[in-house]
Protein backbone atom coordinates (compact mmCIF):
# COMPACT_ATOMS: atom_id res chain seq x y z
CA UNK A 1 9.41 22.21 -4.89
CA UNK A 2 11.89 23.49 -7.45
CA UNK A 3 12.39 23.91 -11.17
CA UNK A 4 15.48 23.55 -12.55
CA UNK A 5 16.03 24.47 -16.90
CA UNK A 6 16.88 21.77 -19.13
CA UNK A 7 17.31 22.67 -22.94
CA UNK A 8 18.91 19.91 -24.96
CA UNK A 9 18.83 16.26 -26.08
CA UNK A 10 20.18 13.47 -27.93
CA UNK A 11 19.82 12.05 -31.13
CA UNK A 12 19.19 9.05 -29.86
CA UNK A 13 16.71 10.17 -27.24
CA UNK A 14 14.96 12.10 -30.28
CA UNK A 15 14.72 8.83 -32.10
CA UNK A 16 13.09 7.12 -29.03
CA UNK A 17 10.30 9.94 -28.85
CA UNK A 18 9.68 9.52 -32.71
CA UNK A 19 8.69 5.65 -31.77
CA UNK A 20 6.86 6.88 -28.69
CA UNK A 21 4.96 9.60 -31.16
CA UNK A 22 3.92 6.69 -33.28
CA UNK A 23 2.57 4.77 -30.55
CA UNK A 24 0.43 7.13 -29.07
CA UNK A 25 -0.49 9.27 -31.90
CA UNK A 26 -0.67 6.56 -34.76
CA UNK A 27 -2.29 3.63 -33.77
CA UNK A 28 -5.29 4.31 -35.08
CA UNK A 29 -9.22 3.54 -33.93
CA UNK A 30 -11.63 5.86 -31.99
CA UNK A 31 -10.23 5.37 -28.75
CA UNK A 32 -6.78 6.81 -29.70
CA UNK A 33 -8.72 9.61 -31.25
CA UNK A 34 -9.03 10.88 -28.01
CA UNK A 35 -5.44 10.25 -26.89
CA UNK A 36 -2.70 13.37 -26.20
CA UNK A 37 -1.18 13.18 -29.14
CA UNK A 38 -4.19 12.73 -31.32
CA UNK A 39 -7.01 15.18 -30.37
CA UNK A 40 -6.79 18.50 -33.02
CA UNK A 41 -10.42 18.57 -32.88
CA UNK A 42 -11.00 19.28 -29.38
CA UNK A 43 -7.98 21.43 -29.25
CA UNK A 44 -5.98 19.37 -26.81
CA UNK A 45 -2.99 20.85 -25.93
CA UNK A 46 -1.36 17.02 -26.62
CA UNK A 47 -1.74 18.38 -30.35
CA UNK A 48 1.78 19.88 -29.81
CA UNK A 49 4.21 17.41 -31.76
CA UNK A 50 1.01 14.83 -32.69
CA UNK A 51 2.75 12.31 -34.56
CA UNK A 52 6.27 14.26 -35.09
CA UNK A 53 9.18 15.47 -32.88
CA UNK A 54 8.20 18.94 -33.90
CA UNK A 55 6.49 20.93 -31.61
CA UNK A 56 5.23 23.88 -33.81
CA UNK A 57 1.09 24.80 -33.63
CA UNK A 58 -0.71 27.52 -34.50
CA UNK A 59 -1.77 30.53 -32.56
CA UNK A 60 -5.23 29.85 -32.68
CA UNK A 61 -4.56 26.37 -31.19
CA UNK A 62 -2.32 27.92 -28.74
CA UNK A 63 -5.38 30.34 -27.72
CA UNK A 64 -8.11 27.31 -27.11
CA UNK A 65 -6.09 24.46 -25.54
CA UNK A 66 -5.19 27.03 -22.51
CA UNK A 67 -7.74 24.87 -20.13
CA UNK A 68 -6.39 21.47 -20.95
CA UNK A 69 -3.72 19.62 -19.63
CA UNK A 70 -1.97 16.28 -20.41
CA UNK A 71 -0.49 14.22 -17.74
CA UNK A 72 1.99 10.73 -17.53
CA UNK A 73 1.79 8.65 -14.81
CA UNK A 74 3.45 5.26 -14.41
CA UNK A 75 1.36 2.09 -15.30
CA UNK A 76 1.08 0.91 -11.91
CA UNK A 77 -1.08 4.61 -11.18
CA UNK A 78 -3.92 2.85 -12.83
CA UNK A 79 -6.57 1.70 -10.75
CA UNK A 80 -7.15 -2.22 -11.39
CA UNK A 81 -10.60 -1.85 -9.68
CA UNK A 82 -11.55 1.39 -11.30
CA UNK A 83 -12.57 4.53 -9.25
CA UNK A 84 -14.35 3.05 -6.49
CA UNK A 85 -13.07 4.38 -2.94
CA UNK A 86 -13.72 0.84 -1.71
CA UNK A 87 -11.28 -0.75 -3.80
CA UNK A 88 -8.49 1.92 -3.28
CA UNK A 89 -9.17 4.87 -5.41
CA UNK A 90 -8.23 8.05 -3.11
CA UNK A 91 -6.48 5.81 -1.10
CA UNK A 92 -4.23 2.77 -0.39
CA UNK A 93 -0.07 3.81 -0.89
CA UNK A 94 -1.10 6.18 -3.53
CA UNK A 95 -2.97 8.16 -1.08
CA UNK A 96 -4.22 11.32 -2.90
CA UNK A 97 -7.65 13.22 -3.46
CA UNK A 98 -10.14 11.14 -5.33
CA UNK A 99 -10.88 14.56 -8.05
CA UNK A 100 -14.56 12.50 -8.72
CA UNK A 101 -16.01 12.22 -5.61
CA UNK A 102 -15.93 14.44 -2.62
CA UNK A 103 -14.69 14.41 0.76
CA UNK A 104 -15.78 15.75 3.96
CA UNK A 105 -12.53 16.85 4.97
CA UNK A 106 -9.08 17.60 3.24
CA UNK A 107 -5.35 17.83 4.37
CA UNK A 108 -4.08 21.21 4.10
CA UNK A 109 -1.09 22.86 3.00
CA UNK A 110 0.66 22.32 6.55
CA UNK A 111 -0.93 18.52 6.63
CA UNK A 112 -3.72 19.55 9.07
CA UNK A 113 -7.63 19.34 8.79
CA UNK A 114 -9.58 21.35 6.59
CA UNK A 115 -13.31 21.26 5.11
CA UNK A 116 -14.52 20.16 2.17
CA UNK A 117 -18.15 18.54 2.53
CA UNK A 118 -18.39 18.89 5.98
CA UNK A 119 -18.95 22.34 7.56
CA UNK A 120 -18.57 21.39 10.73
CA UNK A 121 -16.67 18.20 13.13
CA UNK A 122 -16.91 17.57 16.45
CA UNK A 123 -16.08 14.66 18.68
CA UNK A 124 -17.76 13.28 21.99
CA UNK A 125 -15.97 13.14 24.98
CA UNK A 126 -15.15 9.90 25.04
CA UNK A 127 -14.03 9.86 21.73
CA UNK A 128 -17.02 7.41 20.66
CA UNK A 129 -19.06 9.69 18.91
CA UNK A 130 -17.79 11.68 16.10
CA UNK A 131 -20.21 14.39 14.26
CA UNK A 132 -20.43 15.84 11.08
CA UNK A 133 -22.79 18.83 9.65
CA UNK A 134 -22.46 18.75 5.66
CA UNK A 135 -23.44 21.15 3.04
CA UNK A 136 -26.85 21.45 1.59
CA UNK A 137 -26.25 22.30 -1.64
CA UNK A 138 -23.91 19.78 -3.47
CA UNK A 139 -25.64 17.10 -6.18
CA UNK A 140 -23.86 14.25 -7.62
CA UNK A 141 -23.66 14.38 -11.31
CA UNK A 142 -26.64 13.32 -12.31
CA UNK A 143 -28.42 15.62 -10.36
CA UNK A 144 -29.61 14.21 -7.12
CA UNK A 145 -28.91 15.55 -4.13
CA UNK A 146 -25.98 14.27 -1.52
CA UNK A 147 -27.03 14.35 1.65
CA UNK A 148 -25.72 12.53 4.97
CA UNK A 149 -27.64 9.50 3.94
CA UNK A 150 -25.06 9.00 0.69
CA UNK A 151 -22.36 9.40 3.37
CA UNK A 152 -23.73 6.83 5.84
CA UNK A 153 -24.12 4.47 3.04
CA UNK A 154 -20.41 5.08 1.86
CA UNK A 155 -18.69 4.82 5.29
CA UNK A 156 -20.89 1.55 6.36
CA UNK A 157 -20.01 0.25 2.81
CA UNK A 158 -16.50 0.79 3.26
CA UNK A 159 -16.70 -0.95 6.58
CA UNK A 160 -17.71 -4.04 5.09
CA UNK A 161 -15.74 -4.30 1.76
CA UNK A 162 -12.69 -1.95 1.76
CA UNK A 163 -9.57 -3.91 0.52
CA UNK A 164 -7.40 -1.35 1.39
CA UNK A 165 -8.16 0.97 4.10
CA UNK A 166 -8.38 0.11 7.65
CA UNK A 167 -12.19 0.66 8.84
CA UNK A 168 -12.14 -1.44 11.54
CA UNK A 169 -12.12 1.24 14.63
CA UNK A 170 -16.08 2.04 12.90
CA UNK A 171 -18.81 0.51 14.37
CA UNK A 172 -21.45 2.44 12.19
CA UNK A 173 -22.52 5.36 10.33
CA UNK A 174 -25.83 7.27 11.10
CA UNK A 175 -27.40 9.53 9.02
CA UNK A 176 -29.26 11.66 11.92
CA UNK A 177 -31.07 14.38 9.49
CA UNK A 178 -30.40 15.44 5.70
CA UNK A 179 -26.87 17.01 6.79
CA UNK A 180 -25.94 15.50 9.89
CA UNK A 181 -23.99 12.22 10.04
CA UNK A 182 -22.86 10.41 13.09
CA UNK A 183 -19.63 7.89 13.31
CA UNK A 184 -20.03 5.54 16.31
CA UNK A 185 -16.73 3.97 16.86
CA UNK A 186 -15.52 0.67 18.34
CA UNK A 187 -12.53 2.64 20.25
CA UNK A 188 -11.19 5.87 20.30
CA UNK A 189 -9.58 7.23 16.75
CA UNK A 190 -8.36 10.90 17.21
CA UNK A 191 -7.15 10.82 13.71
CA UNK A 192 -10.37 9.91 12.09
CA UNK A 193 -10.54 13.43 10.40
CA UNK A 194 -7.27 12.13 8.27
CA UNK A 195 -9.38 8.97 7.23
CA UNK A 196 -11.95 10.94 6.39
CA UNK A 197 -9.75 13.31 3.90
CA UNK A 198 -9.24 10.20 2.06
CA UNK A 199 -12.79 8.80 1.57
CA UNK A 200 -14.73 9.69 -1.34
CA UNK A 201 -18.92 9.74 -1.17
CA UNK A 202 -20.54 7.65 -3.22
CA UNK A 203 -24.21 7.80 -4.36
CA UNK A 204 -26.16 5.04 -2.76
CA UNK A 205 -28.92 5.55 -5.51
CA UNK A 206 -26.08 4.85 -8.03
CA UNK A 207 -23.60 2.33 -6.20
CA UNK A 208 -23.25 -1.05 -7.47
CA UNK A 209 -20.70 -3.81 -8.78
CA UNK A 210 -19.70 -1.69 -11.76
CA UNK A 211 -19.52 1.60 -10.12
CA UNK A 212 -15.58 1.95 -10.23
CA UNK A 213 -16.04 1.84 -14.11
CA UNK A 214 -18.30 4.10 -14.42
CA UNK A 215 -18.55 6.56 -11.50
CA UNK A 216 -20.96 9.20 -10.08
CA UNK A 217 -19.84 11.91 -7.80
CA UNK A 218 -19.97 15.25 -6.64
CA UNK A 219 -16.29 16.38 -7.17
CA UNK A 220 -14.34 18.68 -8.69
CA UNK A 221 -13.98 16.37 -12.27
CA UNK A 222 -16.41 13.94 -13.89
CA UNK A 223 -14.93 10.69 -15.50
CA UNK A 224 -15.62 11.15 -19.04
CA UNK A 225 -13.22 8.47 -20.71
CA UNK A 226 -11.17 5.14 -19.46
CA UNK A 227 -9.57 3.47 -22.02
CA UNK A 228 -8.17 0.70 -19.89
CA UNK A 229 -4.16 0.25 -20.06
CA UNK A 230 -3.95 3.73 -21.88
CA UNK A 231 -5.61 6.51 -20.67
CA UNK A 232 -7.86 8.60 -18.47
CA UNK A 233 -10.03 12.01 -19.64
CA UNK A 234 -11.64 13.85 -16.55
CA UNK A 235 -13.74 16.74 -17.31
CA UNK A 236 -14.61 19.79 -15.10
CA UNK A 237 -17.75 19.23 -13.15
CA UNK A 238 -20.11 22.18 -14.46
CA UNK A 239 -22.16 22.10 -11.46
CA UNK A 240 -18.86 21.67 -8.69
CA UNK A 241 -20.07 23.46 -5.55
CA UNK A 242 -16.66 25.24 -5.04
CA UNK A 243 -14.54 27.07 -7.08
CA UNK A 244 -14.77 26.22 -10.35
CA UNK A 245 -11.73 24.27 -11.99
CA UNK A 246 -9.37 26.43 -14.04
CA UNK A 247 -8.56 22.81 -16.17
CA UNK A 248 -11.22 22.02 -17.89
CA UNK A 249 -10.03 18.85 -19.26
CA UNK A 250 -7.30 16.66 -17.53
CA UNK A 251 -5.92 13.62 -19.87
CA UNK A 252 -4.04 11.10 -17.75
CA UNK A 253 -1.67 8.60 -19.54
CA UNK A 254 -0.28 5.59 -18.22
CA UNK A 255 3.13 4.79 -19.40
CA UNK A 256 6.38 3.19 -18.42
CA UNK A 257 9.50 5.99 -17.17
CA UNK A 258 11.34 5.65 -20.92
CA UNK A 259 7.86 6.13 -22.55
CA UNK A 260 6.82 8.77 -20.56
CA UNK A 261 10.35 10.71 -21.57
CA UNK A 262 10.03 10.29 -24.90
CA UNK A 263 6.39 11.41 -25.27
CA UNK A 264 7.41 14.28 -22.91
CA UNK A 265 10.88 14.96 -25.61
CA UNK A 266 7.94 15.06 -28.45
CA UNK A 267 6.13 17.43 -27.09
CA UNK A 268 2.60 15.20 -27.09
CA UNK A 269 2.62 15.94 -23.50
CA UNK A 270 2.65 18.84 -20.74
CA UNK A 271 3.65 16.95 -17.53
CA UNK A 272 5.33 13.62 -17.41
CA UNK A 273 6.47 11.66 -14.44
CA UNK A 274 10.48 10.77 -14.15
CA UNK A 275 13.34 9.56 -11.98
CA UNK A 276 16.72 10.74 -10.78
CA UNK A 277 18.50 8.42 -13.52
CA UNK A 278 16.78 10.51 -16.12
CA UNK A 279 17.32 13.85 -14.38
CA UNK A 280 20.60 14.66 -16.15
CA UNK A 281 18.84 14.43 -19.46
CA UNK A 282 18.01 17.99 -21.18
CA UNK A 283 15.33 18.72 -23.49
CA UNK A 284 13.77 21.75 -25.37
CA UNK A 285 10.73 23.27 -23.99
CA UNK A 286 10.49 21.47 -20.69
CA UNK A 287 12.10 22.26 -17.02
CA UNK A 288 12.67 19.78 -14.32
CA UNK A 289 10.27 20.17 -11.76
CA UNK A 290 10.74 18.49 -8.07
CA UNK A 291 8.38 17.90 -4.93
CA UNK A 292 9.64 17.17 -1.47
CA UNK A 293 8.09 14.20 -0.50
CA UNK A 294 7.62 11.96 3.13
CA UNK A 295 7.95 9.08 -0.01
CA UNK A 296 10.83 7.50 2.57
CA UNK A 297 13.16 4.52 2.04
CA UNK A 298 14.70 2.82 4.99
CA UNK A 299 15.48 -0.75 6.38
CA UNK A 300 14.24 -2.50 9.42
CA UNK A 301 16.74 -3.91 11.96
CA UNK A 302 14.82 -6.66 13.55
CA UNK A 303 15.59 -5.94 17.76
CA UNK A 304 15.15 -9.52 19.09
CA UNK A 305 17.76 -12.37 19.02
CA UNK A 306 17.75 -15.29 16.70
CA UNK A 307 15.65 -18.22 17.79
CA UNK A 308 12.04 -17.45 17.77
CA UNK A 309 9.09 -18.05 15.38
CA UNK A 310 6.20 -16.70 15.35
CA UNK A 311 2.20 -18.31 14.68
CA UNK A 312 2.88 -19.66 11.09
CA UNK A 313 6.55 -20.84 11.56
CA UNK A 314 8.31 -17.98 10.25
CA UNK A 315 11.65 -17.51 12.23
CA UNK A 316 12.08 -14.50 14.15
CA UNK A 317 15.09 -12.30 15.23
CA UNK A 318 18.20 -11.67 14.31
CA UNK A 319 21.85 -12.14 16.93
CA UNK A 320 23.72 -9.19 15.27
CA UNK A 321 21.02 -6.40 15.02
CA UNK A 322 19.32 -7.09 18.43
CA UNK A 323 22.29 -5.20 20.18
CA UNK A 324 20.95 -1.91 20.31
CA UNK A 325 24.57 -0.51 20.26
CA UNK A 326 24.78 -1.97 16.97
CA UNK A 327 21.64 -0.70 15.74
CA UNK A 328 22.69 2.87 16.72
CA UNK A 329 26.10 2.39 15.68
CA UNK A 330 24.41 1.87 12.01
CA UNK A 331 22.71 4.74 12.25
CA UNK A 332 25.23 7.37 12.66
CA UNK A 333 27.80 5.06 10.03
CA UNK A 334 25.57 6.17 6.82
CA UNK A 335 26.36 9.36 4.95
CA UNK A 336 22.93 9.73 3.89
CA UNK A 337 23.90 13.45 2.10
CA UNK A 338 26.65 11.48 0.15
CA UNK A 339 23.64 8.89 -0.76
CA UNK A 340 21.33 11.38 -1.90
CA UNK A 341 24.30 12.61 -4.25
CA UNK A 342 25.67 9.18 -5.44
CA UNK A 343 22.13 7.29 -5.93
CA UNK A 344 19.49 10.31 -6.21
CA UNK A 345 21.56 12.57 -8.32
CA UNK A 346 20.91 15.15 -5.53
CA UNK A 347 17.31 14.67 -5.87
CA UNK A 348 16.09 13.56 -2.23
CA UNK A 349 16.03 15.45 1.50
CA UNK A 350 17.14 13.43 4.58
CA UNK A 351 15.35 10.74 6.58
CA UNK A 352 15.36 10.82 9.94
CA UNK A 353 12.02 8.67 10.65
CA UNK A 354 8.84 7.42 8.64
CA UNK A 355 6.97 11.19 9.63
CA UNK A 356 9.70 14.07 8.70
CA UNK A 357 8.00 17.36 8.37
CA UNK A 358 4.47 16.09 9.37
CA UNK A 359 2.56 17.86 12.35
CA UNK A 360 3.47 14.98 14.41
CA UNK A 361 7.13 14.66 13.51
CA UNK A 362 9.71 14.68 16.38
CA UNK A 363 12.63 16.39 15.82
CA UNK A 364 14.54 13.95 18.30
CA UNK A 365 14.42 11.39 15.64
CA UNK A 366 17.42 13.53 14.19
CA UNK A 367 21.14 12.16 14.38
CA UNK A 368 24.06 13.40 12.19
CA UNK A 369 26.66 11.33 10.33
CA UNK A 370 28.76 10.53 13.19
CA UNK A 371 31.89 7.91 12.03
CA UNK A 372 33.55 8.19 15.33
CA UNK A 373 30.71 7.73 17.42
CA UNK A 374 29.95 4.74 14.93
CA UNK A 375 33.33 2.68 15.56
CA UNK A 376 33.02 3.31 19.16
CA UNK A 377 29.70 1.78 20.06
CA UNK A 378 30.51 -1.33 17.89
CA UNK A 379 33.91 -1.48 19.71
CA UNK A 380 31.78 -1.24 22.91
CA UNK A 381 29.68 -3.81 22.10
CA UNK A 382 32.34 -6.46 21.65
CA UNK A 383 32.86 -6.12 17.63
CA UNK A 384 36.40 -6.06 17.00
CA UNK A 385 38.13 -5.49 13.68
CA UNK A 386 39.69 -9.34 11.95
CA UNK A 387 42.56 -9.72 10.06
CA UNK A 388 40.50 -9.34 6.90
CA UNK A 389 38.53 -6.03 8.04
CA UNK A 390 35.30 -7.58 9.28
CA UNK A 391 34.75 -7.13 12.79
CA UNK A 392 34.24 -10.02 14.81
CA UNK A 393 32.62 -11.53 18.15
CA UNK A 394 32.92 -14.61 19.60
CA UNK A 395 33.90 -16.56 16.53
CA UNK A 396 30.92 -14.87 14.21
CA UNK A 397 31.19 -12.27 12.10
CA UNK A 398 29.60 -8.91 11.89
CA UNK A 399 26.72 -8.50 8.94
CA UNK A 400 23.99 -9.64 7.77
CA UNK A 401 21.73 -10.12 4.20
CA UNK A 402 19.88 -6.46 3.28
CA UNK A 403 16.74 -7.52 1.18
CA UNK A 404 15.14 -5.34 -1.61
CA UNK A 405 12.10 -5.74 -4.08
CA UNK A 406 13.66 -7.48 -6.73
CA UNK A 407 13.45 -5.08 -10.25
CA UNK A 408 13.43 -1.48 -8.09
CA UNK A 409 16.37 -0.47 -9.02
CA UNK A 410 16.44 2.44 -6.52
CA UNK A 411 15.89 0.33 -3.68
CA UNK A 412 18.82 -1.85 -5.03
CA UNK A 413 21.10 1.26 -5.63
CA UNK A 414 20.12 2.13 -1.75
CA UNK A 415 20.52 -1.39 -0.33
CA UNK A 416 24.23 -1.53 -2.41
CA UNK A 417 25.33 1.99 -1.20
CA UNK A 418 24.56 0.96 2.80
CA UNK A 419 26.55 -2.16 2.31
CA UNK A 420 29.19 0.03 0.48
CA UNK A 421 29.01 2.34 3.38
CA UNK A 422 29.03 -0.04 6.08
CA UNK A 423 31.84 -1.97 4.83
CA UNK A 424 34.14 0.87 6.07
CA UNK A 425 33.24 -0.09 9.39
CA UNK A 426 33.63 -3.55 9.35
CA UNK A 427 30.22 -4.62 8.54
CA UNK A 428 29.86 -7.27 5.88
CA UNK A 429 26.43 -6.60 3.49
CA UNK A 430 25.05 -8.96 1.45
CA UNK A 431 22.23 -7.32 -0.61
CA UNK A 432 19.49 -9.59 -2.50
CA UNK A 433 16.51 -9.13 -4.55
CA UNK A 434 13.62 -10.79 -3.50
CA UNK A 435 9.96 -11.21 -4.43
CA UNK A 436 7.45 -9.74 -2.08
CA UNK A 437 5.76 -13.73 -1.65
CA UNK A 438 8.49 -13.65 0.85
CA UNK A 439 9.84 -10.65 1.97
CA UNK A 440 7.60 -10.00 4.44
CA UNK A 441 8.59 -13.39 5.90
CA UNK A 442 12.43 -12.65 5.80
CA UNK A 443 11.54 -9.31 7.28
CA UNK A 444 11.40 -10.95 10.63
CA UNK A 445 14.98 -11.97 10.74
CA UNK A 446 16.67 -10.12 8.08
CA UNK A 447 16.89 -6.36 7.23
CA UNK A 448 14.41 -5.29 4.31
CA UNK A 449 14.83 -2.17 2.11
CA UNK A 450 11.35 -0.97 2.23
CA UNK A 451 9.36 2.55 1.10
CA UNK A 452 6.40 4.37 3.68
CA UNK A 453 4.90 7.87 3.85
CA UNK A 454 1.60 8.78 4.53
CA UNK A 455 -0.42 11.93 5.73
CA UNK A 456 -1.91 10.34 8.71
CA UNK A 457 -0.01 9.03 12.08
CA UNK A 458 -0.98 5.58 11.53
CA UNK A 459 2.27 5.21 9.38
CA UNK A 460 4.06 5.33 12.97
CA UNK A 461 1.33 3.10 14.51
CA UNK A 462 1.67 0.56 11.74
CA UNK A 463 5.10 0.28 12.02
CA UNK A 464 6.00 0.09 15.31
CA UNK A 465 2.88 -0.56 17.86
CA UNK A 466 2.95 -4.27 18.79
CA UNK A 467 0.35 -6.43 16.94
CA UNK A 468 -3.22 -6.47 19.11
CA UNK A 469 -2.86 -10.05 20.94
CA UNK A 470 0.72 -10.52 19.51
CA UNK A 471 4.00 -10.19 20.79
CA UNK A 472 5.77 -7.97 18.62
CA UNK A 473 4.92 -5.07 15.94
CA UNK A 474 4.08 -6.42 12.43
CA UNK A 475 6.88 -5.74 9.67
CA UNK A 476 9.87 -6.63 12.13
CA UNK A 477 9.98 -7.67 15.30
CA UNK A 478 9.65 -5.32 17.81
CA UNK A 479 7.81 -3.97 21.13
CA UNK A 480 7.95 -1.04 23.69
CA UNK A 481 5.21 -1.21 26.16
CA UNK A 482 5.60 2.64 26.74
CA UNK A 483 5.74 3.39 22.95
CA UNK A 484 2.40 1.32 22.44
CA UNK A 485 1.04 3.28 25.66
CA UNK A 486 1.62 6.87 24.08
CA UNK A 487 -0.01 5.81 20.83
CA UNK A 488 -2.92 4.54 22.00
CA UNK A 489 -3.57 7.35 24.48
CA UNK A 490 -2.90 9.70 21.16
CA UNK A 491 -5.55 7.51 19.72
CA UNK A 492 -8.06 7.76 22.11
CA UNK A 493 -7.24 12.17 22.58
CA UNK A 494 -10.33 14.04 21.98
CA UNK A 495 -7.95 16.97 20.56
CA UNK A 496 -6.72 16.16 17.02
CA UNK A 497 -3.49 18.80 17.29
CA UNK A 498 -2.97 17.88 21.27
CA UNK A 499 -2.77 14.49 19.74
CA UNK A 500 0.21 14.99 17.83
CA UNK A 501 2.43 15.72 21.13
CA UNK A 502 1.91 12.17 22.31
CA UNK A 503 2.98 10.27 18.72
CA UNK A 504 5.90 12.61 19.29
CA UNK A 505 6.40 11.42 22.77
CA UNK A 506 5.89 7.68 21.18
CA UNK A 507 9.33 8.73 19.16
CA UNK A 508 10.90 10.17 22.12
CA UNK A 509 9.81 11.11 25.70
CA UNK A 510 13.48 12.14 27.08
CA UNK A 511 13.77 8.49 28.33
CA UNK A 512 12.17 5.95 25.71
CA UNK A 513 11.35 5.95 22.48
CA UNK A 514 12.21 5.05 18.93
CA UNK A 515 14.90 7.14 17.97
CA UNK A 516 18.78 7.12 18.12
CA UNK A 517 18.70 7.61 21.92
CA UNK A 518 15.99 4.67 22.39
CA UNK A 519 15.32 1.28 20.32
CA UNK A 520 15.91 2.70 16.78
CA UNK A 521 14.63 -0.81 15.49
CA UNK A 522 14.37 1.00 12.15
CA UNK A 523 16.71 3.40 10.17
CA UNK A 524 15.49 5.78 7.40
CA UNK A 525 17.60 6.81 4.84
CA UNK A 526 16.22 9.59 2.40
CA UNK A 527 12.81 10.97 1.31
CA UNK A 528 12.95 10.62 -2.49
CA UNK A 529 12.04 13.87 -4.29
CA UNK A 530 8.75 13.20 -7.06
CA UNK A 531 10.03 14.46 -10.36
CA UNK A 532 8.33 15.70 -13.50
CA UNK A 533 9.09 16.69 -17.09
CA UNK A 534 6.81 19.92 -16.88
CA UNK A 535 6.22 22.16 -20.33
CA UNK A 536 6.83 25.95 -20.42
CA UNK A 537 4.17 27.97 -19.78
CA UNK A 538 2.73 25.44 -17.41
CA UNK A 539 2.03 26.76 -13.66
CA UNK A 540 1.65 23.71 -11.15
CA UNK A 541 0.04 24.72 -8.41
CA UNK A 542 1.86 24.90 -5.31
CA UNK A 543 2.39 20.72 -3.73
CA UNK A 544 1.66 19.59 -0.31
CA UNK A 545 4.27 17.32 0.93
CA UNK A 546 3.67 13.94 -1.38
CA UNK A 547 3.15 11.13 -0.05
CA UNK A 548 4.72 7.43 -0.60
CA UNK A 549 3.77 6.77 -4.21
CA UNK A 550 4.99 8.75 -7.39
CA UNK A 551 1.66 8.91 -8.79
CA UNK A 552 -1.65 10.80 -8.43
CA UNK A 553 -0.46 13.07 -5.67
CA UNK A 554 0.61 15.52 -8.27
CA UNK A 555 -2.86 16.32 -9.55
CA UNK A 556 -4.37 16.95 -6.22
CA UNK A 557 -4.96 20.82 -7.17
CA UNK A 558 -4.75 20.08 -10.84
CA UNK A 559 -8.04 22.14 -10.47
CA UNK A 560 -6.08 25.45 -10.09
CA UNK A 561 -3.28 25.23 -12.53
CA UNK A 562 -2.62 27.37 -15.11
CA UNK A 563 -1.13 28.39 -18.52
CA UNK A 564 0.84 31.49 -18.80
């Protein structure tokens, strides 16, 4: 994390802020009386600048609002299905802690496992049974005690209904007594504690079809109000079993990026997400806050020749990228730091893998920019520079189409920068924006700019492991039996931390793997910093490495935030 002081804005942006101020603070109606721009009756921090670009407020109001905060996230952060763990709350792309519900475990700042409801976690020698002892002093916000029955009910429900998390490894959850739950597994799954860290516990007695709209939990916060398409208001749970939250009220607004910037500019909010495109802007009373992430961007390189189709008739393979020397040359030909400087305005870190900085990351993934070696590898592979500067072999031109998600400006810019850099090596890359309805199929034969990154080794498994019953991995044609075996062994391991070494071996064991010296079926480019405008005086607690998704992760520890 880094703070960077900013201090001046343009007249045009000030005008935009005035407009945004009116939208959030002047639209009238009871639901907007609760928004960040119009909460004077409750002494909200959002009263600063409500309806005006001025930021002055009385000393008494300032004193009253030291335990509340107003945060802006993008519209896609609003959970469409509500705050139900069965439908993605606390999981999915935007992996985060569910705030409203408690979890059995948590991830620690070094991304290992700690306890929340759990007091002890034990796995059987065969890895097919996990026994968890839970606290006996926890109550839901309706006053009912939380017992092992609720834990078992939650997991059995999610096993059958979850549309986001994978629970195929779970056979059944059983409450042994009020404070002991056992998970009986279909197969060994050493990283089960990481699943437990993002699975919020729901009350069996109060769970139903509308639970996501009015959730009852036992976590740090209570969902006080949800105005769909606008905002969510959380209030501290007065009966929380842990340390009482310092922030008693958390208002989350959902806005597009330009509106979020304008809202911060007008002083209506305390923290607002932003991107590298806005990072060179400035405003009074705010600093730019940068969080390091494992929110990576990279592209697949189909590792088998063209000519096959999958079970659905989708073409598989690419003759140019199927040569491992070509894949290795591409990896060495990209100057990632230049990409960070040019595309991300410096707000990112070099990505060498899908799991940089995680406990299971292998440093063997690292490969420095080496244009001379890239040239040598292409020459060795038989691709010679033609009269037009593009390499040729057997009458074919060196190159491919780079796909990206249409409408994603960052992925587009990364794709275009990749094309520009590879052009210097005689590789012609055509950039094309596509919809996700066709992107998955086309990625079986053409590179696609992806976004990944999670607090679990399953990210490696899902990308590189051969599909069960299939011939290749899921997202791009690739298979290596030794890599599969290491990952299978890691999942079967009864010691979680010992399994980290097996995940590392899957990346490179000295003879084979998925790194530069191995098969290299994916090229990783950058980890994108998550950027926020933060009001002066707000002390955001130390952040864990953020996963993929610029959303809820920032407030995982909002209960620890303070005002100076």
